[in-house]
Amino acid sequence: PNIARLYDGGTTEDGIPYLVMERVIGLPIDDYCDEQRLSIRERLDLV
C-alpha cells in the first residue's frame, strides 16, 4: 500500500522502453508535513 504499483511495461515502435505506473496524486513528504503542520508523532507515523 505504500509503494506506487507497476501496471505494465514494454517498448514503443521506436524502440524506447516504458513503464506504466500507478498515478499518485500528493505532495512530497516534507512539503506535506509542513503544510499540514504535523506534530512530531504524526511525522514519525509517516516515516
All heavy atoms as atom14 arrays in JSON, in Angstrom:
{
  "sequence": "PNIARLYDGGTTEDGIPYLVMERVIGLPIDDYCDEQRLSIRERLDLV",
  "atom14_mask": [
    [1, 1, 1, 1, 1, 1, 1, 0, 0, 0, 0, 0, 0, 0],
    [1, 1, 1, 1, 1, 1, 1, 1, 0, 0, 0, 0, 0, 0],
    [1, 1, 1, 1, 1, 1, 1, 1, 0, 0, 0, 0, 0, 0],
    [1, 1, 1, 1, 1, 0, 0, 0, 0, 0, 0, 0, 0, 0],
    [1, 1, 1, 1, 1, 1, 1, 1, 1, 1, 1, 0, 0, 0],
    [1, 1, 1, 1, 1, 1, 1, 1, 0, 0, 0, 0, 0, 0],
    [1, 1, 1, 1, 1, 1, 1, 1, 1, 1, 1, 1, 0, 0],
    [1, 1, 1, 1, 1, 1, 1, 1, 0, 0, 0, 0, 0, 0],
    [1, 1, 1, 1, 0, 0, 0, 0, 0, 0, 0, 0, 0, 0],
    [1, 1, 1, 1, 0, 0, 0, 0, 0, 0, 0, 0, 0, 0],
    [1, 1, 1, 1, 1, 1, 1, 0, 0, 0, 0, 0, 0, 0],
    [1, 1, 1, 1, 1, 1, 1, 0, 0, 0, 0, 0, 0, 0],
    [1, 1, 1, 1, 1, 1, 1, 1, 1, 0, 0, 0, 0, 0],
    [1, 1, 1, 1, 1, 1, 1, 1, 0, 0, 0, 0, 0, 0],
    [1, 1, 1, 1, 0, 0, 0, 0, 0, 0, 0, 0, 0, 0],
    [1, 1, 1, 1, 1, 1, 1, 1, 0, 0, 0, 0, 0, 0],
    [1, 1, 1, 1, 1, 1, 1, 0, 0, 0, 0, 0, 0, 0],
    [1, 1, 1, 1, 1, 1, 1, 1, 1, 1, 1, 1, 0, 0],
    [1, 1, 1, 1, 1, 1, 1, 1, 0, 0, 0, 0, 0, 0],
    [1, 1, 1, 1, 1, 1, 1, 0, 0, 0, 0, 0, 0, 0],
    [1, 1, 1, 1, 1, 1, 1, 1, 0, 0, 0, 0, 0, 0],
    [1, 1, 1, 1, 1, 1, 1, 1, 1, 0, 0, 0, 0, 0],
    [1, 1, 1, 1, 1, 1, 1, 1, 1, 1, 1, 0, 0, 0],
    [1, 1, 1, 1, 1, 1, 1, 0, 0, 0, 0, 0, 0, 0],
    [1, 1, 1, 1, 1, 1, 1, 1, 0, 0, 0, 0, 0, 0],
    [1, 1, 1, 1, 0, 0, 0, 0, 0, 0, 0, 0, 0, 0],
    [1, 1, 1, 1, 1, 1, 1, 1, 0, 0, 0, 0, 0, 0],
    [1, 1, 1, 1, 1, 1, 1, 0, 0, 0, 0, 0, 0, 0],
    [1, 1, 1, 1, 1, 1, 1, 1, 0, 0, 0, 0, 0, 0],
    [1, 1, 1, 1, 1, 1, 1, 1, 0, 0, 0, 0, 0, 0],
    [1, 1, 1, 1, 1, 1, 1, 1, 0, 0, 0, 0, 0, 0],
    [1, 1, 1, 1, 1, 1, 1, 1, 1, 1, 1, 1, 0, 0],
    [1, 1, 1, 1, 1, 1, 0, 0, 0, 0, 0, 0, 0, 0],
    [1, 1, 1, 1, 1, 1, 1, 1, 0, 0, 0, 0, 0, 0],
    [1, 1, 1, 1, 1, 1, 1, 1, 1, 0, 0, 0, 0, 0],
    [1, 1, 1, 1, 1, 1, 1, 1, 1, 0, 0, 0, 0, 0],
    [1, 1, 1, 1, 1, 1, 1, 1, 1, 1, 1, 0, 0, 0],
    [1, 1, 1, 1, 1, 1, 1, 1, 0, 0, 0, 0, 0, 0],
    [1, 1, 1, 1, 1, 1, 0, 0, 0, 0, 0, 0, 0, 0],
    [1, 1, 1, 1, 1, 1, 1, 1, 0, 0, 0, 0, 0, 0],
    [1, 1, 1, 1, 1, 1, 1, 1, 1, 1, 1, 0, 0, 0],
    [1, 1, 1, 1, 1, 1, 1, 1, 1, 0, 0, 0, 0, 0],
    [1, 1, 1, 1, 1, 1, 1, 1, 1, 1, 1, 0, 0, 0],
    [1, 1, 1, 1, 1, 1, 1, 1, 0, 0, 0, 0, 0, 0],
    [1, 1, 1, 1, 1, 1, 1, 1, 0, 0, 0, 0, 0, 0],
    [1, 1, 1, 1, 1, 1, 1, 1, 0, 0, 0, 0, 0, 0],
    [1, 1, 1, 1, 1, 1, 1, 0, 0, 0, 0, 0, 0, 0]
  ],
  "atom14_positions": [
    [[0.8, -1.24, 0.0], [0.0, 0.0, 0.0], [0.82, 1.27, 0.0], [0.29, 2.34, -0.33], [-0.84, -0.12, 1.28], [-0.14, -1.14, 2.13], [0.5, -2.08, 1.17], [0.0, 0.0, 0.0], [0.0, 0.0, 0.0], [0.0, 0.0, 0.0], [0.0, 0.0, 0.0], [0.0, 0.0, 0.0], [0.0, 0.0, 0.0], [0.0, 0.0, 0.0]],
    [[2.1, 1.19, 0.36], [2.95, 2.38, 0.39], [3.96, 2.42, -0.74], [4.95, 3.17, -0.67], [3.66, 2.48, 1.74], [2.69, 2.6, 2.9], [2.64, 1.71, 3.75], [1.91, 3.67, 2.94], [0.0, 0.0, 0.0], [0.0, 0.0, 0.0], [0.0, 0.0, 0.0], [0.0, 0.0, 0.0], [0.0, 0.0, 0.0], [0.0, 0.0, 0.0]],
    [[3.74, 1.62, -1.78], [4.61, 1.64, -2.97], [3.72, 1.84, -4.2], [2.72, 1.14, -4.37], [5.41, 0.34, -3.12], [6.39, 0.18, -1.95], [6.17, 0.31, -4.44], [7.2, -1.11, -1.99], [0.0, 0.0, 0.0], [0.0, 0.0, 0.0], [0.0, 0.0, 0.0], [0.0, 0.0, 0.0], [0.0, 0.0, 0.0], [0.0, 0.0, 0.0]],
    [[4.08, 2.8, -5.03], [3.35, 3.0, -6.28], [3.52, 1.77, -7.16], [4.63, 1.32, -7.42], [3.88, 4.24, -7.0], [0.0, 0.0, 0.0], [0.0, 0.0, 0.0], [0.0, 0.0, 0.0], [0.0, 0.0, 0.0], [0.0, 0.0, 0.0], [0.0, 0.0, 0.0], [0.0, 0.0, 0.0], [0.0, 0.0, 0.0], [0.0, 0.0, 0.0]],
    [[2.41, 1.22, -7.64], [2.44, -0.06, -8.34], [2.86, 0.08, -9.8], [2.59, 1.09, -10.46], [1.07, -0.71, -8.28], [0.67, -1.2, -6.9], [-0.54, -2.09, -6.99], [-0.27, -3.26, -7.84], [-1.19, -4.12, -8.24], [-2.45, -3.95, -7.87], [-0.88, -5.15, -8.99], [0.0, 0.0, 0.0], [0.0, 0.0, 0.0], [0.0, 0.0, 0.0]],
    [[3.51, -0.97, -10.28], [3.8, -1.1, -11.71], [2.66, -1.88, -12.35], [2.34, -2.99, -11.92], [5.12, -1.85, -11.91], [5.49, -2.19, -13.36], [5.89, -0.94, -14.12], [6.6, -3.22, -13.41], [0.0, 0.0, 0.0], [0.0, 0.0, 0.0], [0.0, 0.0, 0.0], [0.0, 0.0, 0.0], [0.0, 0.0, 0.0], [0.0, 0.0, 0.0]],
    [[2.02, -1.3, -13.37], [0.92, -1.97, -14.06], [1.35, -2.7, -15.32], [0.84, -3.76, -15.65], [-0.16, -0.94, -14.44], [-0.89, -0.33, -13.27], [-1.18, 1.02, -13.25], [-1.29, -1.11, -12.18], [-1.87, 1.6, -12.2], [-1.97, -0.54, -11.11], [-2.26, 0.81, -11.12], [-2.92, 1.38, -10.07], [0.0, 0.0, 0.0], [0.0, 0.0, 0.0]],
    [[2.28, -2.1, -16.05], [2.58, -2.63, -17.38], [3.94, -2.1, -17.82], [4.52, -1.24, -17.17], [1.48, -2.17, -18.36], [1.45, -3.0, -19.64], [2.3, -3.91, -19.78], [0.59, -2.74, -20.49], [0.0, 0.0, 0.0], [0.0, 0.0, 0.0], [0.0, 0.0, 0.0], [0.0, 0.0, 0.0], [0.0, 0.0, 0.0], [0.0, 0.0, 0.0]],
    [[4.41, -2.58, -18.91], [5.67, -2.11, -19.47], [5.88, -2.68, -20.86], [5.23, -3.66, -21.24], [0.0, 0.0, 0.0], [0.0, 0.0, 0.0], [0.0, 0.0, 0.0], [0.0, 0.0, 0.0], [0.0, 0.0, 0.0], [0.0, 0.0, 0.0], [0.0, 0.0, 0.0], [0.0, 0.0, 0.0], [0.0, 0.0, 0.0], [0.0, 0.0, 0.0]],
    [[6.75, -2.07, -21.61], [7.0, -2.54, -22.96], [7.96, -1.63, -23.68], [8.75, -0.91, -23.07], [0.0, 0.0, 0.0], [0.0, 0.0, 0.0], [0.0, 0.0, 0.0], [0.0, 0.0, 0.0], [0.0, 0.0, 0.0], [0.0, 0.0, 0.0], [0.0, 0.0, 0.0], [0.0, 0.0, 0.0], [0.0, 0.0, 0.0], [0.0, 0.0, 0.0]],
    [[7.88, -1.66, -25.01], [8.76, -0.87, -25.86], [7.92, -0.24, -26.96], [7.07, -0.89, -27.57], [9.85, -1.75, -26.49], [10.56, -2.44, -25.44], [10.85, -0.91, -27.28], [0.0, 0.0, 0.0], [0.0, 0.0, 0.0], [0.0, 0.0, 0.0], [0.0, 0.0, 0.0], [0.0, 0.0, 0.0], [0.0, 0.0, 0.0], [0.0, 0.0, 0.0]],
    [[8.15, 1.04, -27.2], [7.42, 1.72, -28.27], [7.9, 1.23, -29.63], [8.92, 0.53, -29.74], [7.63, 3.25, -28.2], [8.99, 3.55, -28.56], [7.34, 3.78, -26.8], [0.0, 0.0, 0.0], [0.0, 0.0, 0.0], [0.0, 0.0, 0.0], [0.0, 0.0, 0.0], [0.0, 0.0, 0.0], [0.0, 0.0, 0.0], [0.0, 0.0, 0.0]],
    [[7.18, 1.63, -30.68], [7.58, 1.25, -32.03], [8.95, 1.82, -32.39], [9.63, 1.32, -33.28], [6.53, 1.72, -33.05], [5.21, 0.98, -32.92], [4.23, 1.38, -33.99], [4.61, 2.18, -34.88], [3.08, 0.91, -33.95], [0.0, 0.0, 0.0], [0.0, 0.0, 0.0], [0.0, 0.0, 0.0], [0.0, 0.0, 0.0], [0.0, 0.0, 0.0]],
    [[9.35, 2.89, -31.71], [10.68, 3.48, -31.92], [11.75, 2.79, -31.09], [12.91, 3.21, -31.11], [10.66, 4.97, -31.58], [9.88, 5.77, -32.61], [9.63, 5.23, -33.7], [9.52, 6.91, -32.32], [0.0, 0.0, 0.0], [0.0, 0.0, 0.0], [0.0, 0.0, 0.0], [0.0, 0.0, 0.0], [0.0, 0.0, 0.0], [0.0, 0.0, 0.0]],
    [[11.38, 1.79, -30.3], [12.37, 1.05, -29.52], [12.68, 1.66, -28.17], [13.7, 1.33, -27.56], [0.0, 0.0, 0.0], [0.0, 0.0, 0.0], [0.0, 0.0, 0.0], [0.0, 0.0, 0.0], [0.0, 0.0, 0.0], [0.0, 0.0, 0.0], [0.0, 0.0, 0.0], [0.0, 0.0, 0.0], [0.0, 0.0, 0.0], [0.0, 0.0, 0.0]],
    [[11.82, 2.56, -27.67], [12.06, 3.2, -26.39], [11.33, 2.43, -25.29], [10.11, 2.27, -25.34], [11.56, 4.66, -26.4], [12.19, 5.44, -27.56], [11.84, 5.33, -25.07], [13.69, 5.56, -27.46], [0.0, 0.0, 0.0], [0.0, 0.0, 0.0], [0.0, 0.0, 0.0], [0.0, 0.0, 0.0], [0.0, 0.0, 0.0], [0.0, 0.0, 0.0]],
    [[12.03, 1.94, -24.26], [11.36, 1.23, -23.16], [10.46, 2.19, -22.36], [10.77, 3.37, -22.22], [12.52, 0.73, -22.3], [13.72, 0.79, -23.18], [13.48, 1.94, -24.1], [0.0, 0.0, 0.0], [0.0, 0.0, 0.0], [0.0, 0.0, 0.0], [0.0, 0.0, 0.0], [0.0, 0.0, 0.0], [0.0, 0.0, 0.0], [0.0, 0.0, 0.0]],
    [[9.37, 1.65, -21.83], [8.49, 2.46, -20.99], [7.91, 1.6, -19.89], [7.84, 0.38, -19.97], [7.37, 3.11, -21.81], [6.37, 2.14, -22.39], [5.25, 1.73, -21.66], [6.53, 1.62, -23.68], [4.33, 0.84, -22.19], [5.62, 0.72, -24.21], [4.52, 0.34, -23.47], [3.61, -0.55, -23.98], [0.0, 0.0, 0.0], [0.0, 0.0, 0.0]],
    [[7.49, 2.28, -18.82], [6.84, 1.65, -17.69], [5.5, 2.34, -17.45], [5.42, 3.57, -17.54], [7.68, 1.75, -16.42], [9.11, 1.18, -16.48], [9.83, 1.46, -15.17], [9.09, -0.31, -16.76], [0.0, 0.0, 0.0], [0.0, 0.0, 0.0], [0.0, 0.0, 0.0], [0.0, 0.0, 0.0], [0.0, 0.0, 0.0], [0.0, 0.0, 0.0]],
    [[4.48, 1.57, -17.15], [3.16, 2.12, -16.82], [2.97, 1.95, -15.32], [2.94, 0.83, -14.81], [2.05, 1.4, -17.59], [0.69, 2.03, -17.25], [2.3, 1.46, -19.1], [0.0, 0.0, 0.0], [0.0, 0.0, 0.0], [0.0, 0.0, 0.0], [0.0, 0.0, 0.0], [0.0, 0.0, 0.0], [0.0, 0.0, 0.0], [0.0, 0.0, 0.0]],
    [[2.83, 3.08, -14.61], [2.8, 3.07, -13.15], [1.48, 3.62, -12.63], [0.76, 4.34, -13.33], [3.94, 3.95, -12.6], [5.33, 3.62, -13.13], [5.96, 2.06, -12.5], [6.05, 2.42, -10.76], [0.0, 0.0, 0.0], [0.0, 0.0, 0.0], [0.0, 0.0, 0.0], [0.0, 0.0, 0.0], [0.0, 0.0, 0.0], [0.0, 0.0, 0.0]],
    [[1.19, 3.3, -11.38], [0.09, 3.93, -10.66], [0.33, 5.44, -10.61], [1.43, 5.9, -10.32], [0.03, 3.37, -9.24], [-0.95, 4.08, -8.32], [-0.82, 3.61, -6.88], [0.01, 2.72, -6.6], [-1.56, 4.14, -6.04], [0.0, 0.0, 0.0], [0.0, 0.0, 0.0], [0.0, 0.0, 0.0], [0.0, 0.0, 0.0], [0.0, 0.0, 0.0]],
    [[-0.72, 6.21, -10.91], [-0.59, 7.65, -10.77], [-0.9, 8.04, -9.34], [-1.98, 7.73, -8.82], [-1.53, 8.38, -11.72], [-1.21, 9.89, -11.73], [-2.38, 10.74, -12.09], [-2.02, 12.15, -11.98], [-2.87, 13.15, -12.05], [-4.14, 12.9, -12.27], [-2.47, 14.39, -11.93], [0.0, 0.0, 0.0], [0.0, 0.0, 0.0], [0.0, 0.0, 0.0]],
    [[0.05, 8.69, -8.69], [-0.12, 9.11, -7.3], [-0.32, 10.62, -7.27], [0.51, 11.37, -7.77], [1.1, 8.71, -6.45], [0.91, 9.18, -5.01], [1.32, 7.2, -6.49], [0.0, 0.0, 0.0], [0.0, 0.0, 0.0], [0.0, 0.0, 0.0], [0.0, 0.0, 0.0], [0.0, 0.0, 0.0], [0.0, 0.0, 0.0], [0.0, 0.0, 0.0]],
    [[-1.41, 11.06, -6.67], [-1.67, 12.49, -6.5], [-1.37, 12.84, -5.05], [-2.01, 12.34, -4.13], [-3.13, 12.83, -6.84], [-3.46, 12.43, -8.28], [-3.4, 14.32, -6.63], [-4.9, 12.63, -8.66], [0.0, 0.0, 0.0], [0.0, 0.0, 0.0], [0.0, 0.0, 0.0], [0.0, 0.0, 0.0], [0.0, 0.0, 0.0], [0.0, 0.0, 0.0]],
    [[-0.36, 13.67, -4.85], [0.01, 14.03, -3.49], [1.15, 15.02, -3.48], [1.6, 15.5, -4.52], [0.0, 0.0, 0.0], [0.0, 0.0, 0.0], [0.0, 0.0, 0.0], [0.0, 0.0, 0.0], [0.0, 0.0, 0.0], [0.0, 0.0, 0.0], [0.0, 0.0, 0.0], [0.0, 0.0, 0.0], [0.0, 0.0, 0.0], [0.0, 0.0, 0.0]],
    [[1.62, 15.33, -2.28], [2.72, 16.26, -2.08], [3.95, 15.5, -1.61], [3.84, 14.47, -0.92], [2.36, 17.29, -1.0], [1.33, 18.36, -1.36], [1.02, 19.19, -0.11], [1.84, 19.26, -2.47], [0.0, 0.0, 0.0], [0.0, 0.0, 0.0], [0.0, 0.0, 0.0], [0.0, 0.0, 0.0], [0.0, 0.0, 0.0], [0.0, 0.0, 0.0]],
    [[5.17, 15.98, -1.95], [6.37, 15.41, -1.34], [6.24, 15.42, 0.18], [5.67, 16.34, 0.76], [7.49, 16.35, -1.82], [6.97, 16.91, -3.11], [5.49, 17.07, -2.9], [0.0, 0.0, 0.0], [0.0, 0.0, 0.0], [0.0, 0.0, 0.0], [0.0, 0.0, 0.0], [0.0, 0.0, 0.0], [0.0, 0.0, 0.0], [0.0, 0.0, 0.0]],
    [[6.77, 14.4, 0.81], [6.52, 14.19, 2.23], [6.94, 15.37, 3.1], [6.26, 15.7, 4.08], [7.2, 12.87, 2.7], [6.74, 12.52, 4.12], [8.71, 12.96, 2.59], [7.17, 11.13, 4.56], [0.0, 0.0, 0.0], [0.0, 0.0, 0.0], [0.0, 0.0, 0.0], [0.0, 0.0, 0.0], [0.0, 0.0, 0.0], [0.0, 0.0, 0.0]],
    [[8.03, 16.07, 2.75], [8.44, 17.21, 3.57], [7.46, 18.38, 3.42], [7.09, 19.02, 4.4], [9.86, 17.64, 3.23], [10.07, 17.94, 1.76], [9.26, 17.5, 0.9], [11.06, 18.63, 1.43], [0.0, 0.0, 0.0], [0.0, 0.0, 0.0], [0.0, 0.0, 0.0], [0.0, 0.0, 0.0], [0.0, 0.0, 0.0], [0.0, 0.0, 0.0]],
    [[7.01, 18.63, 2.17], [6.02, 19.7, 1.97], [4.7, 19.37, 2.65], [4.05, 20.25, 3.24], [5.79, 19.92, 0.47], [7.0, 20.49, -0.24], [7.86, 21.08, 0.45], [7.11, 20.33, -1.47], [0.0, 0.0, 0.0], [0.0, 0.0, 0.0], [0.0, 0.0, 0.0], [0.0, 0.0, 0.0], [0.0, 0.0, 0.0], [0.0, 0.0, 0.0]],
    [[4.3, 18.12, 2.56], [3.04, 17.7, 3.19], [3.09, 17.93, 4.7], [2.15, 18.48, 5.29], [2.76, 16.24, 2.89], [1.49, 15.71, 3.51], [0.26, 15.83, 2.86], [1.51, 15.1, 4.76], [-0.91, 15.37, 3.45], [0.35, 14.62, 5.36], [-0.86, 14.76, 4.69], [-2.01, 14.3, 5.27], [0.0, 0.0, 0.0], [0.0, 0.0, 0.0]],
    [[4.17, 17.51, 5.33], [4.3, 17.67, 6.78], [4.23, 19.13, 7.2], [3.57, 19.47, 8.19], [5.61, 17.06, 7.26], [5.66, 15.26, 7.23], [0.0, 0.0, 0.0], [0.0, 0.0, 0.0], [0.0, 0.0, 0.0], [0.0, 0.0, 0.0], [0.0, 0.0, 0.0], [0.0, 0.0, 0.0], [0.0, 0.0, 0.0], [0.0, 0.0, 0.0]],
    [[4.89, 19.99, 6.44], [4.92, 21.41, 6.8], [3.58, 22.09, 6.5], [3.1, 22.91, 7.3], [6.05, 22.12, 6.08], [7.42, 21.71, 6.61], [7.48, 21.16, 7.73], [8.42, 21.92, 5.9], [0.0, 0.0, 0.0], [0.0, 0.0, 0.0], [0.0, 0.0, 0.0], [0.0, 0.0, 0.0], [0.0, 0.0, 0.0], [0.0, 0.0, 0.0]],
    [[2.97, 21.76, 5.36], [1.69, 22.39, 5.02], [0.59, 21.98, 5.99], [-0.3, 22.77, 6.32], [1.28, 22.04, 3.58], [2.1, 22.75, 2.53], [1.43, 22.73, 1.17], [0.24, 22.37, 1.1], [2.1, 23.09, 0.19], [0.0, 0.0, 0.0], [0.0, 0.0, 0.0], [0.0, 0.0, 0.0], [0.0, 0.0, 0.0], [0.0, 0.0, 0.0]],
    [[0.65, 20.72, 6.45], [-0.36, 20.23, 7.4], [0.01, 20.52, 8.85], [-0.76, 20.2, 9.75], [-0.55, 18.72, 7.21], [-1.05, 18.32, 5.84], [-2.44, 18.83, 5.56], [-3.32, 18.79, 6.42], [-2.66, 19.33, 4.35], [0.0, 0.0, 0.0], [0.0, 0.0, 0.0], [0.0, 0.0, 0.0], [0.0, 0.0, 0.0], [0.0, 0.0, 0.0]],
    [[1.18, 21.1, 9.08], [1.68, 21.41, 10.43], [1.6, 20.16, 11.31], [1.08, 20.17, 12.43], [0.9, 22.57, 11.05], [1.03, 23.87, 10.29], [0.29, 25.03, 10.95], [0.96, 25.43, 12.19], [0.42, 25.29, 13.4], [-0.78, 24.74, 13.54], [1.06, 25.69, 14.47], [0.0, 0.0, 0.0], [0.0, 0.0, 0.0], [0.0, 0.0, 0.0]],
    [[2.17, 19.08, 10.81], [2.1, 17.81, 11.53], [2.98, 17.85, 12.77], [4.09, 18.41, 12.76], [2.53, 16.66, 10.63], [1.68, 16.36, 9.39], [2.1, 15.05, 8.77], [0.19, 16.35, 9.71], [0.0, 0.0, 0.0], [0.0, 0.0, 0.0], [0.0, 0.0, 0.0], [0.0, 0.0, 0.0], [0.0, 0.0, 0.0], [0.0, 0.0, 0.0]],
    [[2.52, 17.2, 13.81], [3.3, 17.06, 15.03], [4.45, 16.08, 14.82], [4.5, 15.37, 13.8], [2.4, 16.56, 16.16], [1.98, 15.21, 15.88], [0.0, 0.0, 0.0], [0.0, 0.0, 0.0], [0.0, 0.0, 0.0], [0.0, 0.0, 0.0], [0.0, 0.0, 0.0], [0.0, 0.0, 0.0], [0.0, 0.0, 0.0], [0.0, 0.0, 0.0]],
    [[5.35, 16.02, 15.77], [6.45, 15.06, 15.69], [5.9, 13.64, 15.64], [6.38, 12.8, 14.85], [7.41, 15.23, 16.89], [8.11, 16.58, 16.83], [8.44, 14.09, 16.91], [8.97, 16.8, 15.6], [0.0, 0.0, 0.0], [0.0, 0.0, 0.0], [0.0, 0.0, 0.0], [0.0, 0.0, 0.0], [0.0, 0.0, 0.0], [0.0, 0.0, 0.0]],
    [[4.89, 13.32, 16.43], [4.3, 11.98, 16.42], [3.73, 11.66, 15.04], [3.93, 10.55, 14.53], [3.21, 11.88, 17.48], [2.43, 10.57, 17.46], [1.43, 10.49, 18.6], [2.14, 10.31, 19.86], [2.48, 9.14, 20.36], [2.2, 8.02, 19.68], [3.09, 9.04, 21.51], [0.0, 0.0, 0.0], [0.0, 0.0, 0.0], [0.0, 0.0, 0.0]],
    [[3.03, 12.6, 14.43], [2.44, 12.36, 13.12], [3.52, 12.18, 12.05], [3.37, 11.36, 11.13], [1.51, 13.52, 12.76], [0.25, 13.56, 13.61], [-0.51, 14.87, 13.49], [0.13, 15.92, 13.22], [-1.74, 14.86, 13.68], [0.0, 0.0, 0.0], [0.0, 0.0, 0.0], [0.0, 0.0, 0.0], [0.0, 0.0, 0.0], [0.0, 0.0, 0.0]],
    [[4.61, 12.92, 12.16], [5.72, 12.75, 11.22], [6.36, 11.38, 11.38], [6.73, 10.73, 10.4], [6.75, 13.87, 11.43], [6.23, 15.25, 11.02], [7.11, 16.39, 11.55], [6.45, 17.67, 11.32], [6.82, 18.56, 10.38], [7.87, 18.31, 9.62], [6.18, 19.69, 10.24], [0.0, 0.0, 0.0], [0.0, 0.0, 0.0], [0.0, 0.0, 0.0]],
    [[6.5, 10.95, 12.63], [7.08, 9.62, 12.87], [6.18, 8.52, 12.31], [6.67, 7.51, 11.79], [7.31, 9.42, 14.37], [8.43, 10.27, 14.99], [8.41, 10.14, 16.51], [9.8, 9.89, 14.44], [0.0, 0.0, 0.0], [0.0, 0.0, 0.0], [0.0, 0.0, 0.0], [0.0, 0.0, 0.0], [0.0, 0.0, 0.0], [0.0, 0.0, 0.0]],
    [[4.87, 8.71, 12.42], [3.94, 7.71, 11.86], [4.12, 7.59, 10.35], [4.07, 6.48, 9.8], [2.5, 8.09, 12.2], [2.12, 7.77, 13.64], [2.76, 6.87, 14.22], [1.21, 8.42, 14.18], [0.0, 0.0, 0.0], [0.0, 0.0, 0.0], [0.0, 0.0, 0.0], [0.0, 0.0, 0.0], [0.0, 0.0, 0.0], [0.0, 0.0, 0.0]],
    [[4.33, 8.71, 9.66], [4.57, 8.66, 8.21], [5.88, 7.93, 7.9], [5.94, 7.12, 6.97], [4.61, 10.07, 7.63], [3.28, 10.81, 7.51], [3.52, 12.21, 6.91], [2.3, 10.05, 6.64], [0.0, 0.0, 0.0], [0.0, 0.0, 0.0], [0.0, 0.0, 0.0], [0.0, 0.0, 0.0], [0.0, 0.0, 0.0], [0.0, 0.0, 0.0]],
    [[6.92, 8.22, 8.68], [8.21, 7.55, 8.44], [8.09, 6.06, 8.68], [8.7, 5.25, 7.96], [9.3, 8.18, 9.33], [10.6, 7.37, 9.25], [9.57, 9.63, 8.92], [0.0, 0.0, 0.0], [0.0, 0.0, 0.0], [0.0, 0.0, 0.0], [0.0, 0.0, 0.0], [0.0, 0.0, 0.0], [0.0, 0.0, 0.0], [0.0, 0.0, 0.0]]
  ]
}
